[in-house]
Amino acid sequence: MTVLDAFSLTGKRALVTGGNRGLGLAFVRGLAEAGAEVVFVSRDAERNAHAVDALAQDGLRVQAFEVDVTSQDGPDAAITGAVERLGGLDLLLNNAGLAIHKPALEITDDEWDLVFDVNTRSLWRLSQRAGAHMREHGGGNILNVGSISSLIVNRPQWQPSYNASKAAVHQLTKSLAAEWAPYGIRVNAIAPGYVKTEMAPVDRPEFRQHWIEDAPMKRYALPEEIAPTVVYMASDASAFMTGSVVVIDGGYTVY
């Protein structure tokens, strides 16, 4: 096996949550381009179909189905549906996420709960179901999408619920990695910095000083710049990595 062979995902079967736009779509594309069989889920069937068609035009065959991962039966439906469509599961990429931009004295209990339901509780329940399957089938790989918001406090856009939820994701990643290593299950996370997507207004003038000018590289990322790291962490090239949180932020957190 050559070095580049270790990065191939040929024969790997992957489930991505929230894979129909933004970072999730870039991750689906990257995994498929590296050779993986990919299925993604979200609760928007129309947007799912549009993403599948767009990828098909580029010669990439992926599957999608509608699941609300925050519903009571959502995690079971996602894992079972992926296994049925792929014939097994080697990688779970927990990407689905939500941010509510409100300061601490204004966010309601319901809003706090919603952020944690999407970012942390559903990720935990999906990981638990995937881990059970992987333990019975020789191991696997779980990759969580965290954030530098677990390491710093974003300004001037306050979002304490999001920051706390992503900090929980990072610690859960380490906890599961330690517990599941004997089963051959690796668990890691990425912590992206400011990335331009439909949901992230990184180029708005009022944010530029703190989000762009304060970073050593003085720019934001595009989703396709984060995807190669996901491919690496999904592949055998990272076979000796577990419990790691990989920061990809243009140097933002060095200050």
Protein backbone atom coordinates (compact mmCIF):
# COMPACT_ATOMS: atom_id res chain seq x y z
CA MET A 1 0.00 0.00 0.00
CA THR A 2 1.32 3.43 -0.95
CA VAL A 3 0.80 6.55 1.14
CA LEU A 4 -1.95 7.77 -1.18
CA ASP A 5 -3.65 4.37 -1.05
CA ALA A 6 -4.19 4.91 2.68
CA PHE A 7 -6.40 7.92 1.90
CA SER A 8 -8.75 5.93 -0.35
CA LEU A 9 -12.26 5.31 0.90
CA THR A 10 -13.07 2.63 -1.66
CA GLY A 11 -15.32 0.07 -0.04
CA LYS A 12 -16.17 2.29 2.94
CA ARG A 13 -19.84 2.90 3.73
CA ALA A 14 -20.67 6.30 5.20
CA LEU A 15 -23.68 8.04 6.72
CA VAL A 16 -23.66 11.86 6.91
CA THR A 17 -26.26 13.84 8.83
CA GLY A 18 -27.32 17.23 7.47
CA GLY A 19 -25.66 16.52 4.15
CA ASN A 20 -27.72 18.55 1.69
CA ARG A 21 -25.98 21.94 1.87
CA GLY A 22 -23.02 23.88 3.24
CA LEU A 23 -20.33 21.92 5.01
CA GLY A 24 -22.41 18.75 4.97
CA LEU A 25 -22.74 18.75 1.19
CA ALA A 26 -19.01 19.40 0.81
CA PHE A 27 -18.33 16.43 3.11
CA VAL A 28 -20.68 14.17 1.14
CA ARG A 29 -18.95 15.21 -2.07
CA GLY A 30 -15.47 14.68 -0.63
CA LEU A 31 -16.26 11.23 0.75
CA ALA A 32 -17.82 10.16 -2.55
CA GLU A 33 -14.92 11.50 -4.58
CA ALA A 34 -12.56 9.48 -2.38
CA GLY A 35 -14.48 6.32 -3.24
CA ALA A 36 -16.93 5.86 -0.36
CA GLU A 37 -20.52 4.74 -0.73
CA VAL A 38 -22.41 7.60 0.86
CA VAL A 39 -25.92 8.12 2.14
CA PHE A 40 -27.00 11.31 3.87
CA VAL A 41 -30.06 12.30 5.86
CA SER A 42 -31.92 15.50 6.68
CA ARG A 43 -35.55 16.40 7.23
CA ASP A 44 -35.92 18.37 3.95
CA ALA A 45 -36.76 15.86 1.22
CA GLU A 46 -36.81 18.46 -1.56
CA ARG A 47 -33.37 19.80 -0.68
CA ASN A 48 -32.07 16.24 -0.36
CA ALA A 49 -33.22 15.43 -3.87
CA HIS A 50 -31.67 18.61 -5.26
CA ALA A 51 -28.30 17.75 -3.68
CA VAL A 52 -28.40 14.17 -4.98
CA ASP A 53 -29.15 15.45 -8.49
CA ALA A 54 -26.39 18.05 -8.36
CA LEU A 55 -23.83 15.43 -7.33
CA ALA A 56 -25.08 13.04 -10.01
CA GLN A 57 -24.35 15.68 -12.65
CA ASP A 58 -20.73 15.49 -11.52
CA GLY A 59 -20.70 11.71 -11.78
CA LEU A 60 -21.11 11.03 -8.06
CA ARG A 61 -23.80 8.58 -7.01
CA VAL A 62 -25.03 9.14 -3.46
CA GLN A 63 -28.28 8.31 -1.71
CA ALA A 64 -30.43 10.32 0.68
CA PHE A 65 -33.55 9.87 2.73
CA GLU A 66 -35.65 12.03 5.00
CA VAL A 67 -35.06 11.79 8.76
CA ASP A 68 -35.45 14.24 11.62
CA VAL A 69 -32.54 13.22 13.83
CA THR A 70 -34.05 15.05 16.82
CA SER A 71 -37.24 12.96 16.81
CA GLN A 72 -37.57 10.06 19.22
CA ASP A 73 -37.11 7.42 16.51
CA GLY A 74 -34.85 9.54 14.29
CA PRO A 75 -31.45 8.06 15.25
CA ASP A 76 -32.70 4.47 14.91
CA ALA A 77 -34.29 5.31 11.55
CA ALA A 78 -31.09 6.95 10.30
CA ILE A 79 -28.76 4.12 11.30
CA THR A 80 -31.13 1.34 10.22
CA GLY A 81 -31.88 3.08 6.92
CA ALA A 82 -28.21 3.61 6.16
CA VAL A 83 -27.33 -0.02 6.93
CA GLU A 84 -30.17 -1.23 4.71
CA ARG A 85 -29.11 0.98 1.81
CA LEU A 86 -25.37 0.44 2.12
CA GLY A 87 -25.22 -3.12 3.40
CA GLY A 88 -23.37 -2.01 6.52
CA LEU A 89 -21.83 1.06 8.11
CA ASP A 90 -18.15 1.98 8.47
CA LEU A 91 -18.41 5.73 9.11
CA LEU A 92 -20.89 7.98 10.86
CA LEU A 93 -20.27 11.68 10.23
CA ASN A 94 -22.32 13.72 12.70
CA ASN A 95 -22.61 17.04 10.89
CA ALA A 96 -26.17 18.29 11.53
CA GLY A 97 -26.07 21.44 13.62
CA LEU A 98 -27.97 24.57 14.64
CA ALA A 99 -27.01 27.95 16.11
CA ILE A 100 -29.25 30.53 17.76
CA HIS A 101 -27.53 33.89 18.01
CA LYS A 102 -28.86 35.43 21.21
CA PRO A 103 -27.08 36.71 24.32
CA ALA A 104 -27.36 34.80 27.58
CA LEU A 105 -30.05 37.00 29.11
CA GLU A 106 -32.33 36.70 26.07
CA ILE A 107 -32.25 33.06 25.01
CA THR A 108 -35.27 31.08 26.19
CA ASP A 109 -35.30 27.62 27.73
CA ASP A 110 -36.96 26.24 24.60
CA GLU A 111 -34.28 27.75 22.36
CA TRP A 112 -31.51 26.39 24.58
CA ASP A 113 -33.09 22.93 24.49
CA LEU A 114 -33.46 23.05 20.70
CA VAL A 115 -29.78 23.83 20.18
CA PHE A 116 -28.75 20.98 22.48
CA ASP A 117 -31.27 18.60 20.91
CA VAL A 118 -29.77 19.12 17.46
CA ASN A 119 -26.09 19.60 18.27
CA THR A 120 -25.54 17.29 21.21
CA ARG A 121 -28.42 14.97 22.11
CA SER A 122 -29.07 13.73 18.57
CA LEU A 123 -25.32 13.34 17.98
CA TRP A 124 -25.09 11.27 21.18
CA ARG A 125 -28.05 9.07 20.24
CA LEU A 126 -26.80 8.55 16.68
CA SER A 127 -23.35 7.66 17.97
CA GLN A 128 -24.78 5.21 20.50
CA ARG A 129 -26.80 3.40 17.80
CA ALA A 130 -23.89 3.42 15.34
CA GLY A 131 -21.48 2.26 18.05
CA ALA A 132 -23.69 -0.70 18.88
CA HIS A 133 -23.77 -1.72 15.21
CA MET A 134 -20.02 -1.23 14.76
CA ARG A 135 -19.18 -3.22 17.88
CA GLU A 136 -21.08 -6.19 16.45
CA HIS A 137 -19.44 -5.86 13.02
CA GLY A 138 -15.73 -5.50 13.75
CA GLY A 139 -15.39 -1.78 14.40
CA GLY A 140 -15.86 1.50 12.60
CA ASN A 141 -15.29 5.21 12.65
CA ILE A 142 -17.34 8.09 14.08
CA LEU A 143 -16.45 11.67 13.18
CA ASN A 144 -18.16 14.61 14.88
CA VAL A 145 -18.32 18.19 13.65
CA GLY A 146 -17.48 20.44 16.56
CA SER A 147 -16.38 24.06 16.36
CA ILE A 148 -13.79 26.55 17.54
CA SER A 149 -16.77 28.01 19.40
CA SER A 150 -16.05 25.34 22.01
CA LEU A 151 -12.61 26.89 22.52
CA ILE A 152 -13.29 30.63 22.22
CA VAL A 153 -16.23 32.98 22.71
CA ASN A 154 -17.44 34.41 19.42
CA ARG A 155 -17.85 38.16 19.21
CA PRO A 156 -19.75 40.35 18.53
CA GLN A 157 -22.41 37.70 17.83
CA TRP A 158 -23.24 36.11 21.19
CA GLN A 159 -24.30 32.46 21.10
CA PRO A 160 -23.72 30.79 24.50
CA SER A 161 -26.04 27.86 23.81
CA TYR A 162 -24.14 26.93 20.63
CA ASN A 163 -20.75 27.32 22.31
CA ALA A 164 -21.75 25.10 25.21
CA SER A 165 -23.26 22.46 22.92
CA LYS A 166 -20.07 22.19 20.87
CA ALA A 167 -17.90 21.99 23.98
CA ALA A 168 -20.06 19.03 25.00
CA VAL A 169 -19.49 17.46 21.58
CA HIS A 170 -15.72 17.69 22.01
CA GLN A 171 -15.76 16.08 25.46
CA LEU A 172 -18.21 13.39 24.34
CA THR A 173 -15.86 12.62 21.46
CA LYS A 174 -13.01 11.94 23.88
CA SER A 175 -15.22 9.93 26.23
CA LEU A 176 -16.52 7.63 23.47
CA ALA A 177 -13.04 7.25 21.99
CA ALA A 178 -11.69 5.98 25.30
CA GLU A 179 -14.59 3.63 25.93
CA TRP A 180 -14.93 2.17 22.46
CA ALA A 181 -11.29 1.74 21.42
CA PRO A 182 -11.35 -1.94 22.55
CA TYR A 183 -14.13 -2.54 20.00
CA GLY A 184 -12.10 -1.14 17.11
CA ILE A 185 -14.22 2.02 16.96
CA ARG A 186 -12.39 5.32 16.46
CA VAL A 187 -14.09 8.57 17.48
CA ASN A 188 -12.69 11.97 16.50
CA ALA A 189 -13.92 15.49 15.84
CA ILE A 190 -13.08 18.48 13.71
CA ALA A 191 -13.35 22.06 14.95
CA PRO A 192 -13.77 24.38 11.97
CA GLY A 193 -13.28 28.12 12.25
CA TYR A 194 -15.17 30.66 10.17
CA VAL A 195 -16.45 29.02 6.98
CA LYS A 196 -18.62 30.75 4.39
CA THR A 197 -21.88 28.85 3.96
CA GLU A 198 -25.54 29.72 3.44
CA MET A 199 -25.96 29.82 7.22
CA ALA A 200 -22.77 31.72 8.18
CA PRO A 201 -22.54 35.44 7.26
CA VAL A 202 -18.76 35.52 7.61
CA ASP A 203 -18.26 38.30 5.06
CA ARG A 204 -20.63 40.84 6.62
CA PRO A 205 -18.81 44.12 7.35
CA GLU A 206 -19.74 44.21 11.04
CA PHE A 207 -18.11 40.82 11.62
CA ARG A 208 -14.99 41.22 9.51
CA GLN A 209 -12.78 42.87 12.16
CA HIS A 210 -13.25 40.09 14.70
CA TRP A 211 -13.76 37.07 12.43
CA ILE A 212 -11.35 37.80 9.59
CA GLU A 213 -8.85 40.48 10.52
CA ASP A 214 -8.14 38.89 13.93
CA ALA A 215 -7.02 35.62 12.30
CA PRO A 216 -3.42 35.17 11.09
CA MET A 217 -4.53 34.16 7.60
CA LYS A 218 -7.04 37.05 7.46
CA ARG A 219 -9.67 35.18 5.49
CA TYR A 220 -12.55 32.75 5.90
CA ALA A 221 -12.60 29.19 4.57
CA LEU A 222 -14.79 27.62 1.94
CA PRO A 223 -16.48 24.26 2.69
CA GLU A 224 -14.34 22.44 0.14
CA GLU A 225 -11.24 23.43 2.14
CA ILE A 226 -12.51 21.52 5.18
CA ALA A 227 -13.58 18.39 3.29
CA PRO A 228 -10.04 16.99 2.68
CA THR A 229 -9.43 16.81 6.43
CA VAL A 230 -12.68 14.87 6.78
CA VAL A 231 -11.50 12.44 4.11
CA TYR A 232 -8.21 11.95 5.96
CA MET A 233 -9.98 11.31 9.27
CA ALA A 234 -12.43 8.92 7.60
CA SER A 235 -9.64 6.93 5.96
CA ASP A 236 -7.01 4.45 7.08
CA ALA A 237 -4.47 7.27 6.83
CA SER A 238 -5.65 8.28 10.32
CA ALA A 239 -5.74 4.72 11.67
CA PHE A 240 -3.77 5.64 14.83
CA MET A 241 -5.97 8.64 15.65
CA THR A 242 -8.79 8.54 18.16
CA GLY A 243 -10.07 11.01 20.74
CA SER A 244 -8.60 13.92 18.76
CA VAL A 245 -10.20 17.27 17.99
CA VAL A 246 -8.60 18.72 14.87
CA VAL A 247 -8.81 22.52 14.65
CA ILE A 248 -9.11 23.98 11.14
CA ASP A 249 -9.38 27.73 11.61
CA GLY A 250 -6.75 29.66 9.66
CA GLY A 251 -4.88 30.15 12.92
CA TYR A 252 -7.73 31.99 14.66
CA THR A 253 -7.27 30.24 18.01
CA VAL A 254 -3.51 30.84 18.26
CA TYR A 255 -4.10 34.30 19.72
